[in-house]
Amino acid sequence: MEERIISIISEITRKPLEYLQQNQTGHKFWDSLQLVEIVLTIEEEFDIMFYPEEIKDMNDLHAILSMVKRKSVE
């Protein structure tokens, strides 16, 4: 799951996979339009839904990974 999420973000942001894997916290690699695309793609891929409050907390890759893992368990 984690690899697929990182791959999605890499495709959308055009950042290398290795770079994203090494910089999961403290870095926001996307602009607001890319974040919308990331969210929609992840929601479709994993059949989950994010609330606006959750989306605004997606400050870095680690936050997105944690949120998806939590939602996948629910």
N, C-alpha and C. Protein backbone atom coordinates (compact mmCIF):
# COMPACT_ATOMS: atom_id res chain seq x y z
N MET A 1 0.82 -1.19 0.00
CA MET A 1 0.00 0.00 0.00
C MET A 1 0.87 1.26 0.00
N GLU A 2 1.87 1.27 0.87
CA GLU A 2 2.73 2.46 0.97
C GLU A 2 3.44 2.74 -0.36
N GLU A 3 3.93 1.68 -0.99
CA GLU A 3 4.62 1.86 -2.27
C GLU A 3 3.69 2.42 -3.33
N ARG A 4 2.44 1.96 -3.35
CA ARG A 4 1.48 2.45 -4.34
C ARG A 4 1.16 3.93 -4.10
N ILE A 5 0.99 4.33 -2.85
CA ILE A 5 0.71 5.73 -2.52
C ILE A 5 1.87 6.62 -2.94
N ILE A 6 3.07 6.19 -2.63
CA ILE A 6 4.25 6.97 -3.02
C ILE A 6 4.35 7.05 -4.54
N SER A 7 4.02 5.97 -5.21
CA SER A 7 4.04 5.95 -6.67
C SER A 7 3.01 6.93 -7.25
N ILE A 8 1.83 6.98 -6.67
CA ILE A 8 0.79 7.93 -7.10
C ILE A 8 1.31 9.36 -6.96
N ILE A 9 1.86 9.66 -5.80
CA ILE A 9 2.35 11.02 -5.54
C ILE A 9 3.52 11.35 -6.46
N SER A 10 4.37 10.37 -6.72
CA SER A 10 5.49 10.58 -7.63
C SER A 10 5.00 10.91 -9.03
N GLU A 11 4.01 10.17 -9.50
CA GLU A 11 3.46 10.41 -10.84
C GLU A 11 2.85 11.81 -10.95
N ILE A 12 2.11 12.22 -9.93
CA ILE A 12 1.42 13.51 -9.98
C ILE A 12 2.39 14.68 -9.81
N THR A 13 3.33 14.55 -8.90
CA THR A 13 4.25 15.65 -8.62
C THR A 13 5.51 15.63 -9.49
N ARG A 14 5.72 14.51 -10.16
CA ARG A 14 6.92 14.32 -11.00
C ARG A 14 8.21 14.37 -10.17
N LYS A 15 8.10 13.89 -8.95
CA LYS A 15 9.29 13.77 -8.08
C LYS A 15 9.74 12.31 -8.10
N PRO A 16 11.04 12.05 -8.07
CA PRO A 16 11.52 10.66 -8.08
C PRO A 16 11.05 9.88 -6.84
N LEU A 17 10.73 8.61 -7.04
CA LEU A 17 10.28 7.74 -5.94
C LEU A 17 11.27 7.75 -4.78
N GLU A 18 12.54 7.60 -5.10
CA GLU A 18 13.57 7.52 -4.07
C GLU A 18 13.60 8.80 -3.22
N TYR A 19 13.44 9.92 -3.88
CA TYR A 19 13.45 11.20 -3.18
C TYR A 19 12.27 11.29 -2.22
N LEU A 20 11.09 10.87 -2.67
CA LEU A 20 9.91 10.91 -1.80
C LEU A 20 10.07 9.95 -0.63
N GLN A 21 10.60 8.76 -0.89
CA GLN A 21 10.78 7.78 0.17
C GLN A 21 11.73 8.28 1.26
N GLN A 22 12.72 9.04 0.87
CA GLN A 22 13.72 9.53 1.82
C GLN A 22 13.29 10.80 2.54
N ASN A 23 12.25 11.47 2.05
CA ASN A 23 11.83 12.76 2.62
C ASN A 23 10.33 12.75 2.94
N GLN A 24 9.91 11.82 3.78
CA GLN A 24 8.49 11.66 4.05
C GLN A 24 7.92 12.68 5.03
N THR A 25 8.74 13.28 5.84
CA THR A 25 8.23 14.24 6.82
C THR A 25 8.83 15.61 6.58
N GLY A 26 8.03 16.62 6.84
CA GLY A 26 8.49 17.99 6.79
C GLY A 26 8.58 18.62 5.41
N HIS A 27 8.17 17.88 4.38
CA HIS A 27 8.23 18.40 3.02
C HIS A 27 6.88 18.26 2.35
N LYS A 28 6.41 19.34 1.79
CA LYS A 28 5.16 19.33 1.03
C LYS A 28 5.55 19.44 -0.44
N PHE A 29 5.36 18.35 -1.19
CA PHE A 29 5.83 18.26 -2.56
C PHE A 29 4.79 18.65 -3.60
N TRP A 30 3.65 19.17 -3.17
CA TRP A 30 2.55 19.42 -4.10
C TRP A 30 1.94 20.78 -3.88
N ASP A 31 1.31 21.29 -4.93
CA ASP A 31 0.53 22.51 -4.79
C ASP A 31 -0.93 22.09 -4.56
N SER A 32 -1.82 23.06 -4.43
CA SER A 32 -3.21 22.74 -4.08
C SER A 32 -3.91 21.90 -5.15
N LEU A 33 -3.64 22.17 -6.41
CA LEU A 33 -4.27 21.39 -7.48
C LEU A 33 -3.74 19.96 -7.50
N GLN A 34 -2.46 19.80 -7.28
CA GLN A 34 -1.89 18.46 -7.21
C GLN A 34 -2.44 17.69 -6.02
N LEU A 35 -2.66 18.38 -4.90
CA LEU A 35 -3.23 17.71 -3.74
C LEU A 35 -4.62 17.18 -4.05
N VAL A 36 -5.42 17.96 -4.75
CA VAL A 36 -6.76 17.49 -5.14
C VAL A 36 -6.63 16.22 -5.99
N GLU A 37 -5.72 16.23 -6.93
CA GLU A 37 -5.51 15.06 -7.78
C GLU A 37 -5.02 13.87 -6.98
N ILE A 38 -4.12 14.10 -6.04
CA ILE A 38 -3.62 13.04 -5.17
C ILE A 38 -4.76 12.43 -4.37
N VAL A 39 -5.56 13.28 -3.75
CA VAL A 39 -6.68 12.82 -2.92
C VAL A 39 -7.66 12.00 -3.75
N LEU A 40 -8.07 12.53 -4.89
CA LEU A 40 -9.04 11.83 -5.73
C LEU A 40 -8.50 10.47 -6.21
N THR A 41 -7.24 10.44 -6.57
CA THR A 41 -6.63 9.19 -7.04
C THR A 41 -6.56 8.17 -5.92
N ILE A 42 -6.14 8.59 -4.73
CA ILE A 42 -6.05 7.67 -3.60
C ILE A 42 -7.44 7.19 -3.18
N GLU A 43 -8.41 8.09 -3.16
CA GLU A 43 -9.78 7.69 -2.80
C GLU A 43 -10.28 6.61 -3.76
N GLU A 44 -10.04 6.80 -5.03
CA GLU A 44 -10.49 5.82 -6.03
C GLU A 44 -9.72 4.51 -5.91
N GLU A 45 -8.42 4.61 -5.78
CA GLU A 45 -7.55 3.43 -5.74
C GLU A 45 -7.84 2.54 -4.53
N PHE A 46 -8.09 3.16 -3.37
CA PHE A 46 -8.25 2.40 -2.14
C PHE A 46 -9.69 2.36 -1.63
N ASP A 47 -10.62 2.90 -2.41
CA ASP A 47 -12.03 2.90 -2.06
C ASP A 47 -12.27 3.47 -0.65
N ILE A 48 -11.71 4.65 -0.43
CA ILE A 48 -11.89 5.37 0.83
C ILE A 48 -12.33 6.79 0.52
N MET A 49 -12.73 7.52 1.55
CA MET A 49 -13.14 8.91 1.36
C MET A 49 -12.52 9.77 2.45
N PHE A 50 -12.00 10.91 2.05
CA PHE A 50 -11.43 11.85 3.00
C PHE A 50 -12.40 13.01 3.21
N TYR A 51 -12.46 13.48 4.44
CA TYR A 51 -13.24 14.67 4.78
C TYR A 51 -12.36 15.90 4.60
N PRO A 52 -12.98 17.06 4.35
CA PRO A 52 -12.18 18.29 4.16
C PRO A 52 -11.20 18.56 5.30
N GLU A 53 -11.61 18.25 6.53
CA GLU A 53 -10.72 18.48 7.68
C GLU A 53 -9.46 17.62 7.57
N GLU A 54 -9.63 16.41 7.04
CA GLU A 54 -8.48 15.52 6.89
C GLU A 54 -7.56 16.02 5.78
N ILE A 55 -8.15 16.49 4.70
CA ILE A 55 -7.35 16.95 3.56
C ILE A 55 -6.48 18.14 3.96
N LYS A 56 -7.02 19.03 4.77
CA LYS A 56 -6.23 20.21 5.16
C LYS A 56 -5.05 19.82 6.06
N ASP A 57 -5.10 18.63 6.66
CA ASP A 57 -4.00 18.15 7.50
C ASP A 57 -2.95 17.36 6.72
N MET A 58 -3.12 17.26 5.41
CA MET A 58 -2.16 16.52 4.60
C MET A 58 -0.97 17.42 4.27
N ASN A 59 -0.11 17.58 5.25
CA ASN A 59 1.02 18.51 5.14
C ASN A 59 2.28 17.88 4.57
N ASP A 60 2.37 16.56 4.64
CA ASP A 60 3.53 15.88 4.09
C ASP A 60 3.16 14.44 3.75
N LEU A 61 4.09 13.73 3.16
CA LEU A 61 3.85 12.36 2.73
C LEU A 61 3.51 11.45 3.90
N HIS A 62 4.19 11.64 5.00
CA HIS A 62 3.93 10.82 6.19
C HIS A 62 2.47 10.97 6.64
N ALA A 63 1.94 12.18 6.63
CA ALA A 63 0.55 12.42 7.03
C ALA A 63 -0.42 11.68 6.11
N ILE A 64 -0.15 11.72 4.81
CA ILE A 64 -1.02 11.02 3.87
C ILE A 64 -0.96 9.51 4.09
N LEU A 65 0.23 8.98 4.24
CA LEU A 65 0.38 7.53 4.47
C LEU A 65 -0.36 7.11 5.74
N SER A 66 -0.20 7.86 6.80
CA SER A 66 -0.87 7.53 8.07
C SER A 66 -2.38 7.56 7.93
N MET A 67 -2.89 8.57 7.23
CA MET A 67 -4.33 8.70 7.05
C MET A 67 -4.90 7.55 6.24
N VAL A 68 -4.22 7.19 5.17
CA VAL A 68 -4.70 6.09 4.32
C VAL A 68 -4.68 4.79 5.09
N LYS A 69 -3.62 4.54 5.83
CA LYS A 69 -3.54 3.30 6.63
C LYS A 69 -4.67 3.24 7.65
N ARG A 70 -4.93 4.36 8.31
CA ARG A 70 -6.00 4.40 9.31
C ARG A 70 -7.36 4.15 8.66
N LYS A 71 -7.61 4.79 7.52
CA LYS A 71 -8.90 4.65 6.84
C LYS A 71 -9.08 3.25 6.27
N SER A 72 -8.01 2.61 5.87
CA SER A 72 -8.10 1.27 5.32
C SER A 72 -8.50 0.24 6.37
N VAL A 73 -8.21 0.55 7.61
CA VAL A 73 -8.56 -0.34 8.72
C VAL A 73 -10.03 -0.16 9.12
N GLU A 74 -10.54 1.07 8.96
CA GLU A 74 -11.91 1.39 9.41
C GLU A 74 -12.95 0.59 8.67
